[in-house]
Amino acid sequence: MDYQLDLTAYRCPLPLLMTKKALQQLKQGEQLQVLLNETATLNDFILLGHSMAVLVEQGGEDEKIQLIFKKRKDA
């Protein structure tokens, strides 16, 4: 199952905390798509993913940043 969080209306640190909570609930093989605005601290999200043994992909268009966190099957 895949999940999505649109956090473009929030300011840090709230998006980071909400992402962390959602990642803790992910099961192996699931993924979470997070949408952020341009003011979000991108490096903090990448570090969060790595600290939780989650793969992170970055993308996006216009003013939105898209991160996809994938819970590894071997984690």
N, C-alpha and C. Protein backbone atom coordinates (compact mmCIF):
# COMPACT_ATOMS: atom_id res chain seq x y z
N MET A 1 0.84 -1.18 0.00
CA MET A 1 0.00 0.00 0.00
C MET A 1 0.88 1.23 0.00
N ASP A 2 0.46 2.28 -0.67
CA ASP A 2 1.21 3.52 -0.75
C ASP A 2 0.43 4.64 -0.08
N TYR A 3 1.16 5.60 0.47
CA TYR A 3 0.56 6.70 1.20
C TYR A 3 1.10 8.02 0.68
N GLN A 4 0.34 9.11 0.92
CA GLN A 4 0.77 10.43 0.48
C GLN A 4 0.49 11.45 1.58
N LEU A 5 1.46 12.34 1.80
CA LEU A 5 1.30 13.46 2.73
C LEU A 5 1.56 14.75 1.96
N ASP A 6 0.58 15.64 1.92
CA ASP A 6 0.79 16.95 1.32
C ASP A 6 1.05 17.92 2.47
N LEU A 7 2.30 18.29 2.65
CA LEU A 7 2.70 19.13 3.77
C LEU A 7 3.09 20.54 3.31
N THR A 8 2.60 20.94 2.15
CA THR A 8 2.97 22.24 1.59
C THR A 8 2.41 23.41 2.40
N ALA A 9 1.40 23.18 3.19
CA ALA A 9 0.80 24.27 3.97
C ALA A 9 1.45 24.44 5.34
N TYR A 10 2.41 23.58 5.67
CA TYR A 10 3.03 23.61 7.00
C TYR A 10 4.45 24.14 6.93
N ARG A 11 4.91 24.67 8.06
CA ARG A 11 6.30 25.14 8.19
C ARG A 11 7.06 24.19 9.10
N CYS A 12 8.36 24.07 8.84
CA CYS A 12 9.21 23.23 9.68
C CYS A 12 9.21 23.76 11.11
N PRO A 13 9.24 22.88 12.07
CA PRO A 13 9.60 21.47 12.01
C PRO A 13 8.40 20.53 11.87
N LEU A 14 7.17 21.05 11.78
CA LEU A 14 5.99 20.20 11.74
C LEU A 14 6.01 19.17 10.60
N PRO A 15 6.37 19.54 9.36
CA PRO A 15 6.41 18.51 8.30
C PRO A 15 7.39 17.38 8.61
N LEU A 16 8.51 17.72 9.21
CA LEU A 16 9.50 16.70 9.54
C LEU A 16 8.95 15.74 10.60
N LEU A 17 8.28 16.28 11.60
CA LEU A 17 7.70 15.44 12.65
C LEU A 17 6.57 14.56 12.11
N MET A 18 5.74 15.13 11.24
CA MET A 18 4.64 14.36 10.66
C MET A 18 5.17 13.25 9.75
N THR A 19 6.24 13.54 9.02
CA THR A 19 6.86 12.53 8.16
C THR A 19 7.46 11.41 8.99
N LYS A 20 8.14 11.76 10.07
CA LYS A 20 8.74 10.75 10.94
C LYS A 20 7.68 9.81 11.50
N LYS A 21 6.56 10.38 11.94
CA LYS A 21 5.48 9.56 12.49
C LYS A 21 4.91 8.62 11.42
N ALA A 22 4.74 9.13 10.21
CA ALA A 22 4.21 8.29 9.12
C ALA A 22 5.20 7.19 8.75
N LEU A 23 6.49 7.51 8.74
CA LEU A 23 7.50 6.50 8.39
C LEU A 23 7.55 5.38 9.42
N GLN A 24 7.31 5.71 10.68
CA GLN A 24 7.32 4.69 11.73
C GLN A 24 6.19 3.69 11.54
N GLN A 25 5.13 4.09 10.85
CA GLN A 25 3.97 3.22 10.65
C GLN A 25 4.05 2.43 9.34
N LEU A 26 5.02 2.75 8.48
CA LEU A 26 5.16 2.02 7.21
C LEU A 26 5.61 0.59 7.45
N LYS A 27 5.05 -0.29 6.66
CA LYS A 27 5.48 -1.69 6.69
C LYS A 27 6.49 -1.91 5.56
N GLN A 28 7.19 -3.01 5.63
CA GLN A 28 8.20 -3.32 4.62
C GLN A 28 7.58 -3.35 3.23
N GLY A 29 8.24 -2.72 2.27
CA GLY A 29 7.77 -2.69 0.89
C GLY A 29 6.81 -1.56 0.58
N GLU A 30 6.30 -0.85 1.59
CA GLU A 30 5.38 0.26 1.36
C GLU A 30 6.17 1.53 1.08
N GLN A 31 5.47 2.51 0.50
CA GLN A 31 6.13 3.78 0.25
C GLN A 31 5.25 4.95 0.64
N LEU A 32 5.91 6.05 0.95
CA LEU A 32 5.25 7.28 1.37
C LEU A 32 5.71 8.41 0.47
N GLN A 33 4.76 9.08 -0.18
CA GLN A 33 5.09 10.24 -1.00
C GLN A 33 4.81 11.49 -0.16
N VAL A 34 5.79 12.37 -0.07
CA VAL A 34 5.67 13.59 0.71
C VAL A 34 5.85 14.78 -0.21
N LEU A 35 4.90 15.71 -0.16
CA LEU A 35 4.98 16.95 -0.94
C LEU A 35 5.33 18.09 0.01
N LEU A 36 6.36 18.83 -0.33
CA LEU A 36 6.84 19.94 0.49
C LEU A 36 6.88 21.21 -0.35
N ASN A 37 6.87 22.37 0.34
CA ASN A 37 7.06 23.61 -0.40
C ASN A 37 8.54 23.94 -0.46
N GLU A 38 8.88 24.98 -1.14
CA GLU A 38 10.29 25.28 -1.36
C GLU A 38 11.04 25.72 -0.11
N THR A 39 10.34 26.06 0.97
CA THR A 39 11.02 26.52 2.17
C THR A 39 11.39 25.37 3.10
N ALA A 40 10.98 24.19 2.78
CA ALA A 40 11.28 23.03 3.63
C ALA A 40 12.78 22.73 3.60
N THR A 41 13.29 22.23 4.70
CA THR A 41 14.70 21.88 4.79
C THR A 41 14.89 20.48 4.25
N LEU A 42 15.25 20.39 3.01
CA LEU A 42 15.34 19.13 2.29
C LEU A 42 16.34 18.16 2.91
N ASN A 43 17.49 18.65 3.32
CA ASN A 43 18.52 17.78 3.89
C ASN A 43 18.04 17.07 5.15
N ASP A 44 17.21 17.74 5.95
CA ASP A 44 16.68 17.11 7.16
C ASP A 44 15.82 15.89 6.82
N PHE A 45 15.05 15.99 5.75
CA PHE A 45 14.19 14.87 5.34
C PHE A 45 15.02 13.70 4.81
N ILE A 46 16.07 14.02 4.08
CA ILE A 46 16.94 12.97 3.55
C ILE A 46 17.66 12.27 4.70
N LEU A 47 18.16 13.04 5.67
CA LEU A 47 18.81 12.44 6.84
C LEU A 47 17.84 11.58 7.64
N LEU A 48 16.59 12.04 7.76
CA LEU A 48 15.58 11.26 8.47
C LEU A 48 15.38 9.91 7.79
N GLY A 49 15.26 9.92 6.49
CA GLY A 49 15.08 8.67 5.75
C GLY A 49 16.24 7.72 5.96
N HIS A 50 17.45 8.23 5.88
CA HIS A 50 18.63 7.38 6.06
C HIS A 50 18.72 6.85 7.48
N SER A 51 18.36 7.66 8.46
CA SER A 51 18.43 7.21 9.86
C SER A 51 17.41 6.13 10.17
N MET A 52 16.33 6.07 9.37
CA MET A 52 15.28 5.08 9.59
C MET A 52 15.38 3.93 8.59
N ALA A 53 16.52 3.81 7.91
CA ALA A 53 16.75 2.74 6.93
C ALA A 53 15.68 2.73 5.84
N VAL A 54 15.37 3.92 5.33
CA VAL A 54 14.36 4.06 4.29
C VAL A 54 15.03 4.68 3.06
N LEU A 55 14.74 4.15 1.89
CA LEU A 55 15.26 4.72 0.65
C LEU A 55 14.53 6.01 0.33
N VAL A 56 15.24 7.03 -0.16
CA VAL A 56 14.64 8.33 -0.45
C VAL A 56 14.91 8.70 -1.90
N GLU A 57 13.85 9.04 -2.63
CA GLU A 57 13.97 9.55 -4.00
C GLU A 57 13.43 10.97 -4.02
N GLN A 58 14.08 11.84 -4.77
CA GLN A 58 13.68 13.24 -4.82
C GLN A 58 13.22 13.60 -6.22
N GLY A 59 12.19 14.42 -6.29
CA GLY A 59 11.69 14.90 -7.57
C GLY A 59 10.82 16.12 -7.31
N GLY A 60 9.99 16.45 -8.25
CA GLY A 60 9.07 17.56 -8.06
C GLY A 60 9.05 18.48 -9.26
N GLU A 61 8.07 19.34 -9.25
CA GLU A 61 7.93 20.31 -10.32
C GLU A 61 7.32 21.58 -9.75
N ASP A 62 7.51 22.67 -10.44
CA ASP A 62 7.04 23.98 -10.00
C ASP A 62 7.60 24.31 -8.62
N GLU A 63 6.73 24.69 -7.69
CA GLU A 63 7.17 25.09 -6.36
C GLU A 63 7.11 23.96 -5.35
N LYS A 64 6.69 22.79 -5.78
CA LYS A 64 6.57 21.67 -4.85
C LYS A 64 7.75 20.71 -4.99
N ILE A 65 8.21 20.24 -3.86
CA ILE A 65 9.26 19.23 -3.82
C ILE A 65 8.60 17.91 -3.47
N GLN A 66 8.92 16.88 -4.21
CA GLN A 66 8.35 15.56 -3.94
C GLN A 66 9.44 14.63 -3.46
N LEU A 67 9.19 14.00 -2.33
CA LEU A 67 10.09 12.98 -1.81
C LEU A 67 9.32 11.67 -1.72
N ILE A 68 9.94 10.59 -2.13
CA ILE A 68 9.32 9.27 -2.00
C ILE A 68 10.20 8.44 -1.09
N PHE A 69 9.62 8.05 0.03
CA PHE A 69 10.31 7.21 1.00
C PHE A 69 9.84 5.77 0.79
N LYS A 70 10.77 4.86 0.62
CA LYS A 70 10.43 3.44 0.42
C LYS A 70 11.02 2.62 1.54
N LYS A 71 10.15 1.95 2.27
CA LYS A 71 10.61 1.08 3.35
C LYS A 71 11.23 -0.16 2.72
N ARG A 72 12.49 -0.36 2.99
CA ARG A 72 13.19 -1.49 2.39
C ARG A 72 12.64 -2.81 2.92
N LYS A 73 12.62 -3.80 2.06
CA LYS A 73 12.11 -5.11 2.46
C LYS A 73 13.06 -5.82 3.40
N ASP A 74 14.33 -5.43 3.39
CA ASP A 74 15.30 -6.07 4.27
C ASP A 74 15.55 -5.28 5.55
N ALA A 75 14.78 -4.20 5.76
CA ALA A 75 14.99 -3.36 6.95
C ALA A 75 14.31 -3.94 8.16
